[in-house]
C-alpha atoms as a PDB file:
ATOM      1  CA  UNK A   1     112.289 132.612  38.560  1.00  0.00           C
ATOM      2  CA  UNK A   2     112.040 130.284  41.528  1.00  0.00           C
ATOM      3  CA  UNK A   3     115.212 128.545  42.609  1.00  0.00           C
ATOM      4  CA  UNK A   4     115.466 124.981  41.259  1.00  0.00           C
ATOM      5  CA  UNK A   5     115.536 121.918  43.482  1.00  0.00           C
ATOM      6  CA  UNK A   6     119.068 120.842  44.378  1.00  0.00           C
ATOM      7  CA  UNK A   7     120.236 117.240  44.162  1.00  0.00           C
ATOM      8  CA  UNK A   8     123.370 116.105  45.987  1.00  0.00           C
ATOM      9  CA  UNK A   9     124.793 112.800  44.753  1.00  0.00           C
ATOM     10  CA  UNK A  10     127.998 110.813  44.562  1.00  0.00           C
ATOM     11  CA  UNK A  11     130.353 111.793  41.746  1.00  0.00           C
ATOM     12  CA  UNK A  12     130.619 109.831  38.536  1.00  0.00           C
ATOM     13  CA  UNK A  13     133.098 107.180  37.508  1.00  0.00           C
ATOM     14  CA  UNK A  14     133.414 103.951  35.479  1.00  0.00           C
ATOM     15  CA  UNK A  15     131.689 105.728  32.569  1.00  0.00           C
ATOM     16  CA  UNK A  16     128.606 106.477  34.718  1.00  0.00           C
ATOM     17  CA  UNK A  17     127.148 109.799  35.929  1.00  0.00           C
ATOM     18  CA  UNK A  18     127.278 108.419  39.493  1.00  0.00           C
ATOM     19  CA  UNK A  19     128.801 105.246  40.915  1.00  0.00           C
ATOM     20  CA  UNK A  20     126.151 104.892  43.625  1.00  0.00           C
ATOM     21  CA  UNK A  21     123.021 102.919  42.555  1.00  0.00           C
ATOM     22  CA  UNK A  22     120.592 105.052  44.587  1.00  0.00           C
ATOM     23  CA  UNK A  23     122.066 108.306  43.282  1.00  0.00           C
ATOM     24  CA  UNK A  24     122.055 106.880  39.781  1.00  0.00           C
ATOM     25  CA  UNK A  25     118.352 105.973  40.067  1.00  0.00           C
ATOM     26  CA  UNK A  26     117.411 109.552  41.017  1.00  0.00           C
ATOM     27  CA  UNK A  27     119.646 111.122  38.351  1.00  0.00           C
ATOM     28  CA  UNK A  28     118.191 108.826  35.680  1.00  0.00           C
ATOM     29  CA  UNK A  29     114.592 109.470  36.710  1.00  0.00           C
ATOM     30  CA  UNK A  30     115.242 113.209  36.647  1.00  0.00           C
ATOM     31  CA  UNK A  31     116.663 112.955  33.130  1.00  0.00           C
ATOM     32  CA  UNK A  32     113.667 110.880  32.004  1.00  0.00           C
ATOM     33  CA  UNK A  33     111.233 113.540  33.217  1.00  0.00           C
ATOM     34  CA  UNK A  34     113.247 116.682  32.511  1.00  0.00           C
ATOM     35  CA  UNK A  35     113.067 117.783  36.157  1.00  0.00           C
ATOM     36  CA  UNK A  36     115.010 121.085  36.534  1.00  0.00           C
ATOM     37  CA  UNK A  37     117.536 120.047  39.156  1.00  0.00           C
ATOM     38  CA  UNK A  38     120.667 121.819  40.205  1.00  0.00           C
ATOM     39  CA  UNK A  39     122.959 118.811  40.540  1.00  0.00           C
ATOM     40  CA  UNK A  40     125.953 118.756  42.867  1.00  0.00           C
ATOM     41  CA  UNK A  41     128.251 115.792  42.219  1.00  0.00           C
ATOM     42  CA  UNK A  42     130.195 115.497  45.449  1.00  0.00           C
ATOM     43  CA  UNK A  43     132.849 113.216  46.893  1.00  0.00           C
ATOM     44  CA  UNK A  44     131.708 113.045  50.499  1.00  0.00           C
ATOM     45  CA  UNK A  45     128.334 112.706  52.268  1.00  0.00           C
ATOM     46  CA  UNK A  46     129.430 115.711  54.356  1.00  0.00           C
ATOM     47  CA  UNK A  47     128.728 117.872  51.318  1.00  0.00           C
ATOM     48  CA  UNK A  48     125.050 116.952  51.567  1.00  0.00           C
ATOM     49  CA  UNK A  49     122.704 119.047  53.772  1.00  0.00           C
ATOM     50  CA  UNK A  50     121.436 115.797  55.336  1.00  0.00           C
ATOM     51  CA  UNK A  51     124.799 114.028  55.610  1.00  0.00           C
ATOM     52  CA  UNK A  52     123.497 111.323  53.262  1.00  0.00           C
ATOM     53  CA  UNK A  53     123.533 110.735  49.507  1.00  0.00           C
ATOM     54  CA  UNK A  54     121.397 111.120  47.491  1.00  0.00           C
ATOM     55  CA  UNK A  55     119.682 114.150  48.998  1.00  0.00           C
ATOM     56  CA  UNK A  56     117.139 116.464  47.388  1.00  0.00           C
ATOM     57  CA  UNK A  57     116.943 119.975  48.811  1.00  0.00           C
ATOM     58  CA  UNK A  58     113.456 121.391  48.204  1.00  0.00           C
ATOM     59  CA  UNK A  59     111.726 124.695  48.913  1.00  0.00           C
ATOM     60  CA  UNK A  60     108.680 123.263  50.689  1.00  0.00           C
ATOM     61  CA  UNK A  61     109.652 119.904  52.240  1.00  0.00           C
ATOM     62  CA  UNK A  62     113.215 120.523  53.373  1.00  0.00           C
ATOM     63  CA  UNK A  63     115.738 117.869  52.444  1.00  0.00           C
ATOM     64  CA  UNK A  64     114.661 114.387  51.283  1.00  0.00           C
ATOM     65  CA  UNK A  65     117.235 111.594  51.528  1.00  0.00           C
ATOM     66  CA  UNK A  66     115.461 108.383  50.484  1.00  0.00           C
ATOM     67  CA  UNK A  67     115.462 107.358  46.844  1.00  0.00           C
ATOM     68  CA  UNK A  68     111.801 106.407  46.536  1.00  0.00           C
ATOM     69  CA  UNK A  69     110.705 109.510  48.448  1.00  0.00           C
ATOM     70  CA  UNK A  70     112.754 111.729  46.128  1.00  0.00           C
ATOM     71  CA  UNK A  71     111.169 110.122  43.058  1.00  0.00           C
ATOM     72  CA  UNK A  72     107.706 110.468  44.611  1.00  0.00           C
ATOM     73  CA  UNK A  73     108.369 114.151  45.316  1.00  0.00           C
ATOM     74  CA  UNK A  74     109.440 114.762  41.720  1.00  0.00           C
ATOM     75  CA  UNK A  75     106.224 113.093  40.571  1.00  0.00           C
ATOM     76  CA  UNK A  76     104.179 115.454  42.752  1.00  0.00           C
ATOM     77  CA  UNK A  77     105.984 118.357  41.075  1.00  0.00           C
ATOM     78  CA  UNK A  78     104.576 117.179  37.716  1.00  0.00           C
ATOM     79  CA  UNK A  79     107.734 115.339  36.717  1.00  0.00           C
ATOM     80  CA  UNK A  80     106.064 111.934  36.614  1.00  0.00           C
ATOM     81  CA  UNK A  81     107.485 109.243  34.335  1.00  0.00           C
ATOM     82  CA  UNK A  82     104.614 106.885  35.253  1.00  0.00           C
ATOM     83  CA  UNK A  83     101.782 109.241  34.363  1.00  0.00           C
ATOM     84  CA  UNK A  84     100.639 107.269  31.288  1.00  0.00           C
ATOM     85  CA  UNK A  85     101.008 103.782  32.781  1.00  0.00           C
ATOM     86  CA  UNK A  86      97.969 101.536  33.089  1.00  0.00           C
ATOM     87  CA  UNK A  87      96.890  99.961  36.358  1.00  0.00           C
ATOM     88  CA  UNK A  88      98.491  96.675  35.302  1.00  0.00           C
ATOM     89  CA  UNK A  89     101.764  98.394  34.413  1.00  0.00           C
ATOM     90  CA  UNK A  90     101.827 100.188  37.765  1.00  0.00           C
ATOM     91  CA  UNK A  91     101.348  96.841  39.511  1.00  0.00           C
ATOM     92  CA  UNK A  92     104.173  95.358  37.418  1.00  0.00           C
ATOM     93  CA  UNK A  93     106.388  98.275  38.460  1.00  0.00           C
ATOM     94  CA  UNK A  94     105.839  97.548  42.154  1.00  0.00           C
ATOM     95  CA  UNK A  95     106.463  93.823  41.618  1.00  0.00           C
ATOM     96  CA  UNK A  96     109.699  94.275  39.680  1.00  0.00           C
ATOM     97  CA  UNK A  97     111.080  96.958  42.015  1.00  0.00           C
ATOM     98  CA  UNK A  98     110.432  94.597  44.943  1.00  0.00           C
ATOM     99  CA  UNK A  99     112.185  91.816  43.027  1.00  0.00           C
ATOM    100  CA  UNK A 100     115.199  94.042  42.460  1.00  0.00           C
ATOM    101  CA  UNK A 101     115.407  94.995  46.136  1.00  0.00           C
ATOM    102  CA  UNK A 102     114.952  91.437  47.394  1.00  0.00           C
ATOM    103  CA  UNK A 103     116.936  89.351  44.887  1.00  0.00           C
ATOM    104  CA  UNK A 104     119.450  91.626  43.167  1.00  0.00           C
ATOM    105  CA  UNK A 105     120.428  94.468  45.502  1.00  0.00           C
ATOM    106  CA  UNK A 106     121.851  92.239  48.297  1.00  0.00           C
ATOM    107  CA  UNK A 107     124.105  90.479  45.803  1.00  0.00           C
ATOM    108  CA  UNK A 108     125.242  93.800  44.336  1.00  0.00           C
ATOM    109  CA  UNK A 109     126.211  94.947  47.833  1.00  0.00           C
ATOM    110  CA  UNK A 110     128.074  91.669  48.337  1.00  0.00           C
ATOM    111  CA  UNK A 111     129.806  91.974  44.959  1.00  0.00           C
ATOM    112  CA  UNK A 112     131.102  95.503  45.523  1.00  0.00           C
ATOM    113  CA  UNK A 113     131.539  95.704  49.298  1.00  0.00           C
ATOM    114  CA  UNK A 114     131.951  92.197  50.760  1.00  0.00           C
ATOM    115  CA  UNK A 115     133.812  90.180  48.150  1.00  0.00           C
ATOM    116  CA  UNK A 116     137.378  90.733  49.379  1.00  0.00           C
ATOM    117  CA  UNK A 117     139.065  90.960  45.981  1.00  0.00           C
ATOM    118  CA  UNK A 118     136.497  93.336  44.493  1.00  0.00           C
ATOM    119  CA  UNK A 119     136.406  95.519  47.589  1.00  0.00           C
ATOM    120  CA  UNK A 120     140.171  95.934  47.963  1.00  0.00           C
ATOM    121  CA  UNK A 121     141.137  96.223  44.304  1.00  0.00           C
ATOM    122  CA  UNK A 122     138.123  98.111  42.973  1.00  0.00           C
ATOM    123  CA  UNK A 123     135.592  99.641  45.376  1.00  0.00           C
ATOM    124  CA  UNK A 124     137.830 100.868  48.201  1.00  0.00           C
ATOM    125  CA  UNK A 125     140.449 101.932  45.680  1.00  0.00           C
ATOM    126  CA  UNK A 126     138.004 104.197  43.824  1.00  0.00           C
ATOM    127  CA  UNK A 127     136.558 105.792  46.965  1.00  0.00           C
ATOM    128  CA  UNK A 128     139.989 106.263  48.556  1.00  0.00           C
ATOM    129  CA  UNK A 129     141.235 108.028  45.430  1.00  0.00           C
ATOM    130  CA  UNK A 130     138.072 110.133  45.057  1.00  0.00           C
ATOM    131  CA  UNK A 131     137.214 111.186  48.621  1.00  0.00           C
ATOM    132  CA  UNK A 132     139.274 114.232  49.703  1.00  0.00           C
ATOM    133  CA  UNK A 133     142.065 113.980  52.259  1.00  0.00           C
ATOM    134  CA  UNK A 134     141.903 113.212  55.136  1.00  0.00           C
ATOM    135  CA  UNK A 135     138.448 111.593  54.932  1.00  0.00           C
ATOM    136  CA  UNK A 136     139.763 109.072  52.424  1.00  0.00           C
ATOM    137  CA  UNK A 137     141.758 107.419  55.219  1.00  0.00           C
ATOM    138  CA  UNK A 138     138.735 106.240  57.181  1.00  0.00           C
ATOM    139  CA  UNK A 139     135.459 106.971  55.335  1.00  0.00           C
ATOM    140  CA  UNK A 140     135.710 103.992  52.906  1.00  0.00           C
ATOM    141  CA  UNK A 141     136.107 101.635  55.875  1.00  0.00           C
ATOM    142  CA  UNK A 142     133.085 103.235  57.593  1.00  0.00           C
ATOM    143  CA  UNK A 143     131.054 102.742  54.419  1.00  0.00           C
ATOM    144  CA  UNK A 144     132.255  99.141  54.229  1.00  0.00           C
ATOM    145  CA  UNK A 145     131.007  98.504  57.764  1.00  0.00           C
ATOM    146  CA  UNK A 146     127.647 100.128  57.008  1.00  0.00           C
ATOM    147  CA  UNK A 147     127.159  97.914  53.954  1.00  0.00           C
ATOM    148  CA  UNK A 148     128.043  94.810  55.970  1.00  0.00           C
ATOM    149  CA  UNK A 149     125.429  95.740  58.565  1.00  0.00           C
ATOM    150  CA  UNK A 150     122.877  96.437  55.843  1.00  0.00           C
ATOM    151  CA  UNK A 151     123.569  93.073  54.252  1.00  0.00           C
ATOM    152  CA  UNK A 152     123.207  91.245  57.549  1.00  0.00           C
ATOM    153  CA  UNK A 153     119.812  92.897  58.046  1.00  0.00           C
ATOM    154  CA  UNK A 154     118.763  91.740  54.575  1.00  0.00           C
ATOM    155  CA  UNK A 155     120.040  88.196  54.949  1.00  0.00           C
ATOM    156  CA  UNK A 156     118.948  87.666  58.535  1.00  0.00           C
ATOM    157  CA  UNK A 157     120.571  86.012  61.544  1.00  0.00           C
ATOM    158  CA  UNK A 158     121.588  82.942  59.541  1.00  0.00           C
ATOM    159  CA  UNK A 159     124.085  84.936  57.496  1.00  0.00           C
ATOM    160  CA  UNK A 160     127.128  83.943  59.585  1.00  0.00           C
ATOM    161  CA  UNK A 161     126.096  80.313  60.148  1.00  0.00           C
ATOM    162  CA  UNK A 162     126.748  79.022  56.622  1.00  0.00           C
ATOM    163  CA  UNK A 163     127.933  81.988  54.623  1.00  0.00           C
ATOM    164  CA  UNK A 164     129.215  80.005  51.653  1.00  0.00           C
ATOM    165  CA  UNK A 165     125.942  78.119  51.157  1.00  0.00           C
ATOM    166  CA  UNK A 166     123.898  81.286  51.499  1.00  0.00           C
ATOM    167  CA  UNK A 167     126.056  83.107  48.964  1.00  0.00           C
ATOM    168  CA  UNK A 168     125.512  80.341  46.400  1.00  0.00           C
ATOM    169  CA  UNK A 169     121.750  80.518  46.888  1.00  0.00           C
ATOM    170  CA  UNK A 170     121.660  84.301  46.647  1.00  0.00           C
ATOM    171  CA  UNK A 171     123.880  84.469  43.567  1.00  0.00           C
ATOM    172  CA  UNK A 172     121.637  81.867  41.959  1.00  0.00           C
ATOM    173  CA  UNK A 173     118.573  83.991  42.764  1.00  0.00           C
ATOM    174  CA  UNK A 174     120.314  87.090  41.348  1.00  0.00           C
ATOM    175  CA  UNK A 175     121.109  85.290  38.088  1.00  0.00           C
ATOM    176  CA  UNK A 176     117.484  84.195  37.829  1.00  0.00           C
ATOM    177  CA  UNK A 177     116.404  87.794  38.459  1.00  0.00           C
ATOM    178  CA  UNK A 178     118.609  89.052  35.619  1.00  0.00           C
ATOM    179  CA  UNK A 179     117.268  86.372  33.283  1.00  0.00           C
ATOM    180  CA  UNK A 180     113.681  87.295  34.171  1.00  0.00           C
ATOM    181  CA  UNK A 181     114.407  90.983  33.485  1.00  0.00           C
ATOM    182  CA  UNK A 182     115.918  90.031  30.132  1.00  0.00           C
ATOM    183  CA  UNK A 183     112.842  88.007  29.206  1.00  0.00           C
ATOM    184  CA  UNK A 184     110.472  90.782  30.313  1.00  0.00           C
ATOM    185  CA  UNK A 185     112.359  93.446  28.343  1.00  0.00           C
ATOM    186  CA  UNK A 186     112.584  91.358  25.183  1.00  0.00           C
ATOM    187  CA  UNK A 187     113.245  93.519  22.139  1.00  0.00           C
ATOM    188  CA  UNK A 188     111.584  96.636  23.591  1.00  0.00           C
ATOM    189  CA  UNK A 189     113.463  99.880  24.046  1.00  0.00           C
ATOM    190  CA  UNK A 190     112.119 100.282  27.594  1.00  0.00           C
ATOM    191  CA  UNK A 191     110.122  97.982  29.857  1.00  0.00           C
ATOM    192  CA  UNK A 192     106.781  99.532  28.897  1.00  0.00           C
ATOM    193  CA  UNK A 193     107.476 100.370  25.272  1.00  0.00           C
ATOM    194  CA  UNK A 194     109.125 103.408  23.710  1.00  0.00           C
ATOM    195  CA  UNK A 195     108.968 105.739  26.735  1.00  0.00           C
ATOM    196  CA  UNK A 196     110.963 105.293  29.970  1.00  0.00           C
ATOM    197  CA  UNK A 197     109.247 104.925  33.351  1.00  0.00           C
ATOM    198  CA  UNK A 198     110.385 104.765  36.970  1.00  0.00           C
ATOM    199  CA  UNK A 199     110.999 101.011  36.606  1.00  0.00           C
ATOM    200  CA  UNK A 200     113.597 101.757  33.933  1.00  0.00           C
ATOM    201  CA  UNK A 201     115.377 104.163  36.300  1.00  0.00           C
ATOM    202  CA  UNK A 202     115.583 101.477  38.999  1.00  0.00           C
ATOM    203  CA  UNK A 203     116.634  98.664  36.649  1.00  0.00           C
ATOM    204  CA  UNK A 204     119.274 100.803  34.935  1.00  0.00           C
ATOM    205  CA  UNK A 205     120.696 102.026  38.256  1.00  0.00           C
ATOM    206  CA  UNK A 206     121.169  98.418  39.432  1.00  0.00           C
ATOM    207  CA  UNK A 207     122.532  97.000  36.186  1.00  0.00           C
ATOM    208  CA  UNK A 208     124.790  99.790  34.901  1.00  0.00           C
ATOM    209  CA  UNK A 209     127.365  99.729  37.763  1.00  0.00           C
ATOM    210  CA  UNK A 210     127.593  95.944  37.483  1.00  0.00           C
ATOM    211  CA  UNK A 211     128.046  96.198  33.729  1.00  0.00           C
ATOM    212  CA  UNK A 212     130.569  99.052  33.660  1.00  0.00           C
ATOM    213  CA  UNK A 213     132.764  98.346  36.708  1.00  0.00           C
ATOM    214  CA  UNK A 214     136.062  96.558  36.078  1.00  0.00           C
ATOM    215  CA  UNK A 215     135.665  93.903  38.751  1.00  0.00           C
ATOM    216  CA  UNK A 216     138.459  91.405  39.446  1.00  0.00           C
ATOM    217  CA  UNK A 217     135.839  88.865  40.529  1.00  0.00           C
ATOM    218  CA  UNK A 218     132.843  89.196  38.200  1.00  0.00           C
ATOM    219  CA  UNK A 219     130.678  86.127  38.734  1.00  0.00           C
ATOM    220  CA  UNK A 220     127.376  87.958  38.366  1.00  0.00           C
ATOM    221  CA  UNK A 221     128.850  90.427  35.893  1.00  0.00           C
ATOM    222  CA  UNK A 222     129.601  87.652  33.411  1.00  0.00           C
ATOM    223  CA  UNK A 223     125.990  86.484  33.512  1.00  0.00           C
ATOM    224  CA  UNK A 224     124.759  90.029  32.854  1.00  0.00           C
ATOM    225  CA  UNK A 225     127.118  90.372  29.891  1.00  0.00           C
ATOM    226  CA  UNK A 226     125.650  87.196  28.413  1.00  0.00           C
ATOM    227  CA  UNK A 227     122.203  88.856  28.285  1.00  0.00           C
ATOM    228  CA  UNK A 228     122.733  91.058  25.244  1.00  0.00           C
ATOM    229  CA  UNK A 229     119.425  92.913  25.363  1.00  0.00           C
ATOM    230  CA  UNK A 230     120.108  94.124  28.932  1.00  0.00           C
ATOM    231  CA  UNK A 231     123.589  95.293  27.912  1.00  0.00           C
ATOM    232  CA  UNK A 232     122.155  97.159  24.910  1.00  0.00           C
ATOM    233  CA  UNK A 233     119.469  98.620  27.178  1.00  0.00           C
ATOM    234  CA  UNK A 234     122.058 100.118  29.557  1.00  0.00           C
ATOM    235  CA  UNK A 235     124.207 101.394  26.703  1.00  0.00           C
ATOM    236  CA  UNK A 236     121.184 103.016  25.057  1.00  0.00           C
ATOM    237  CA  UNK A 237     120.134 104.876  28.228  1.00  0.00           C
ATOM    238  CA  UNK A 238     123.686 106.119  28.756  1.00  0.00           C
ATOM    239  CA  UNK A 239     123.968 107.425  25.188  1.00  0.00           C
ATOM    240  CA  UNK A 240     120.486 108.992  25.163  1.00  0.00           C
ATOM    241  CA  UNK A 241     120.391 110.597  28.616  1.00  0.00           C
ATOM    242  CA  UNK A 242     124.060 110.846  29.672  1.00  0.00           C
ATOM    243  CA  UNK A 243     125.939 111.433  26.406  1.00  0.00           C
ATOM    244  CA  UNK A 244     129.462 111.697  27.797  1.00  0.00           C
ATOM    245  CA  UNK A 245     132.115 109.386  29.168  1.00  0.00           C
ATOM    246  CA  UNK A 246     133.173 108.916  32.754  1.00  0.00           C
ATOM    247  CA  UNK A 247     130.189 110.596  34.321  1.00  0.00           C
ATOM    248  CA  UNK A 248     131.687 114.060  33.775  1.00  0.00           C
ATOM    249  CA  UNK A 249     130.348 116.702  31.419  1.00  0.00           C
ATOM    250  CA  UNK A 250     132.788 118.059  28.830  1.00  0.00           C
ATOM    251  CA  UNK A 251     135.206 120.702  30.087  1.00  0.00           C
ATOM    252  CA  UNK A 252     133.884 123.211  27.590  1.00  0.00           C
ATOM    253  CA  UNK A 253     130.265 122.817  28.701  1.00  0.00           C
ATOM    254  CA  UNK A 254     128.857 125.577  30.928  1.00  0.00           C
ATOM    255  CA  UNK A 255     128.229 124.637  34.571  1.00  0.00           C
ATOM    256  CA  UNK A 256     125.507 127.195  35.285  1.00  0.00           C
ATOM    257  CA  UNK A 257     121.915 126.097  35.703  1.00  0.00           C
ATOM    258  CA  UNK A 258     119.667 126.835  32.770  1.00  0.00           C
ATOM    259  CA  UNK A 259     115.993 126.469  32.068  1.00  0.00           C
ATOM    260  CA  UNK A 260     116.550 122.894  30.963  1.00  0.00           C
ATOM    261  CA  UNK A 261     117.979 121.892  34.317  1.00  0.00           C
ATOM    262  CA  UNK A 262     121.615 121.782  33.296  1.00  0.00           C
ATOM    263  CA  UNK A 263     123.893 120.812  36.091  1.00  0.00           C
ATOM    264  CA  UNK A 264     125.777 122.938  38.578  1.00  0.00           C
ATOM    265  CA  UNK A 265     129.249 122.941  40.051  1.00  0.00           C
ATOM    266  CA  UNK A 266     130.421 119.781  41.792  1.00  0.00           C
ATOM    267  CA  UNK A 267     130.392 121.180  45.311  1.00  0.00           C
ATOM    268  CA  UNK A 268     128.752 124.480  46.338  1.00  0.00           C
ATOM    269  CA  UNK A 269     130.621 124.687  49.653  1.00  0.00           C
ATOM    270  CA  UNK A 270     133.968 123.265  48.655  1.00  0.00           C
ATOM    271  CA  UNK A 271     136.228 125.417  50.847  1.00  0.00           C
ATOM    272  CA  UNK A 272     134.048 125.021  53.927  1.00  0.00           C
ATOM    273  CA  UNK A 273     133.883 121.250  53.506  1.00  0.00           C
ATOM    274  CA  UNK A 274     137.609 121.015  52.904  1.00  0.00           C
ATOM    275  CA  UNK A 275     138.296 122.917  56.115  1.00  0.00           C
ATOM    276  CA  UNK A 276     135.863 120.732  58.085  1.00  0.00           C
ATOM    277  CA  UNK A 277     137.423 117.620  56.568  1.00  0.00           C
ATOM    278  CA  UNK A 278     140.899 118.716  57.571  1.00  0.00           C
ATOM    279  CA  UNK A 279     139.850 119.576  61.133  1.00  0.00           C
ATOM    280  CA  UNK A 280     137.966 116.329  61.675  1.00  0.00           C
ATOM    281  CA  UNK A 281     140.709 114.317  60.033  1.00  0.00           C
ATOM    282  CA  UNK A 282     143.355 115.883  62.249  1.00  0.00           C
ATOM    283  CA  UNK A 283     141.208 115.285  65.311  1.00  0.00           C
ATOM    284  CA  UNK A 284     140.718 111.653  64.329  1.00  0.00           C
ATOM    285  CA  UNK A 285     144.416 111.120  63.685  1.00  0.00           C
ATOM    286  CA  UNK A 286     145.430 112.805  66.939  1.00  0.00           C
ATOM    287  CA  UNK A 287     142.886 110.714  68.813  1.00  0.00           C
ATOM    288  CA  UNK A 288     144.286 107.570  67.266  1.00  0.00           C
ATOM    289  CA  UNK A 289     147.815 108.695  68.042  1.00  0.00           C
ATOM    290  CA  UNK A 290     146.984 109.280  71.717  1.00  0.00           C
ATOM    291  CA  UNK A 291     145.180 105.959  72.077  1.00  0.00           C
ATOM    292  CA  UNK A 292     147.944 104.004  70.393  1.00  0.00           C
ATOM    293  CA  UNK A 293     150.699 105.731  72.368  1.00  0.00           C
ATOM    294  CA  UNK A 294     152.351 107.335  69.344  1.00  0.00           C
ATOM    295  CA  UNK A 295     151.782 110.741  70.900  1.00  0.00           C
ATOM    296  CA  UNK A 296     151.950 111.254  74.625  1.00  0.00           C
ATOM    297  CA  UNK A 297     151.691 114.101  77.108  1.00  0.00           C
ATOM    298  CA  UNK A 298     154.417 114.023  79.709  1.00  0.00           C
ATOM    299  CA  UNK A 299     153.998 115.988  82.926  1.00  0.00           C
ATOM    300  CA  UNK A 300     157.297 116.922  84.541  1.00  0.00           C
ATOM    301  CA  UNK A 301     157.730 117.706  88.199  1.00  0.00           C
ATOM    302  CA  UNK A 302     158.976 121.099  89.228  1.00  0.00           C
ATOM    303  CA  UNK A 303     162.525 121.026  90.412  1.00  0.00           C
ATOM    304  CA  UNK A 304     165.917 122.490  89.780  1.00  0.00           C
ATOM    305  CA  UNK A 305     165.566 121.876  86.098  1.00  0.00           C
ATOM    306  CA  UNK A 306     162.285 123.795  86.028  1.00  0.00           C
ATOM    307  CA  UNK A 307     158.964 122.814  84.543  1.00  0.00           C
ATOM    308  CA  UNK A 308     159.186 120.221  81.755  1.00  0.00           C
ATOM    309  CA  UNK A 309     157.186 121.205  78.699  1.00  0.00           C
ATOM    310  CA  UNK A 310     154.507 119.021  77.134  1.00  0.00           C
ATOM    311  CA  UNK A 311     155.925 116.826  74.379  1.00  0.00           C
ATOM    312  CA  UNK A 312     153.799 116.497  71.270  1.00  0.00           C
ATOM    313  CA  UNK A 313     154.743 114.907  67.972  1.00  0.00           C
ATOM    314  CA  UNK A 314     152.541 115.258  64.922  1.00  0.00           C
ATOM    315  CA  UNK A 315     152.796 115.299  61.167  1.00  0.00           C
ATOM    316  CA  UNK A 316     150.664 117.438  58.887  1.00  0.00           C
ATOM    317  CA  UNK A 317     150.024 116.790  55.229  1.00  0.00           C
ATOM    318  CA  UNK A 318     148.710 119.400  52.843  1.00  0.00           C
ATOM    319  CA  UNK A 319     145.376 118.596  51.242  1.00  0.00           C
ATOM    320  CA  UNK A 320     145.410 117.971  47.541  1.00  0.00           C
ATOM    321  CA  UNK A 321     142.562 119.277  45.430  1.00  0.00           C
END
């Protein structure tokens, strides 16, 4: 039997199989289509063969690290959730995915990564507690910076000129986007009837983190919770395709990969990644210590007292698993 494709994605939390929207989109699409993936739920991008998450390791095309490209690849492997869609429905899919990326995604990034209260008390807290030591000391801040840069690219050069006004406009657009999605879904089980499609994977992956996260500042979250059909839609997908709490499979469930694409161990190279994390973390901390003057190298002159040894002060902390 040929080896299955391997998917590397962020670990689960908040009652979701993954806390990252892009990883969640790929996981959901794979569940919709029954794609036989060996899933590695990891707590650091370093565990991915590409250094990014999500990442799909394939036999023929190497590693794919963009969400839409991963979904396209799965479709080419005959795991195509859009196979039965009409031309009109395919056009609607493109239109709604573009709407999500333009109107909703920037506000989700702002909600989780820019809003000071949400970032400090929720987002950074979860990543700092989940990412292994010593990466948890600096990786959340690096991710925060990357999301800020991404948001500035989305919002343009005028972002810093009148940030408060722009935020009001964008949150208004996001609320309108949610309302439009609610109207389009109506009383249907999925957006195109009784069977899920790629649009459902994208919509669910954007709505579920907003719905399930316990945000201190939930302006957009409150509007989503007022749209009952969207809430029921997310709950239904979770119960049908991810029937467990917290994004973790039950302890008694086997972790080996079966013919149905059951999921694998969290991290296939755990010891190697832990060692790399420790080495890089120590290097980063020593570098900081030298630059800040906490640690210094003193060169003594030769004399009656002899050669003065180099003075180094450092603290080591054992990694917790």
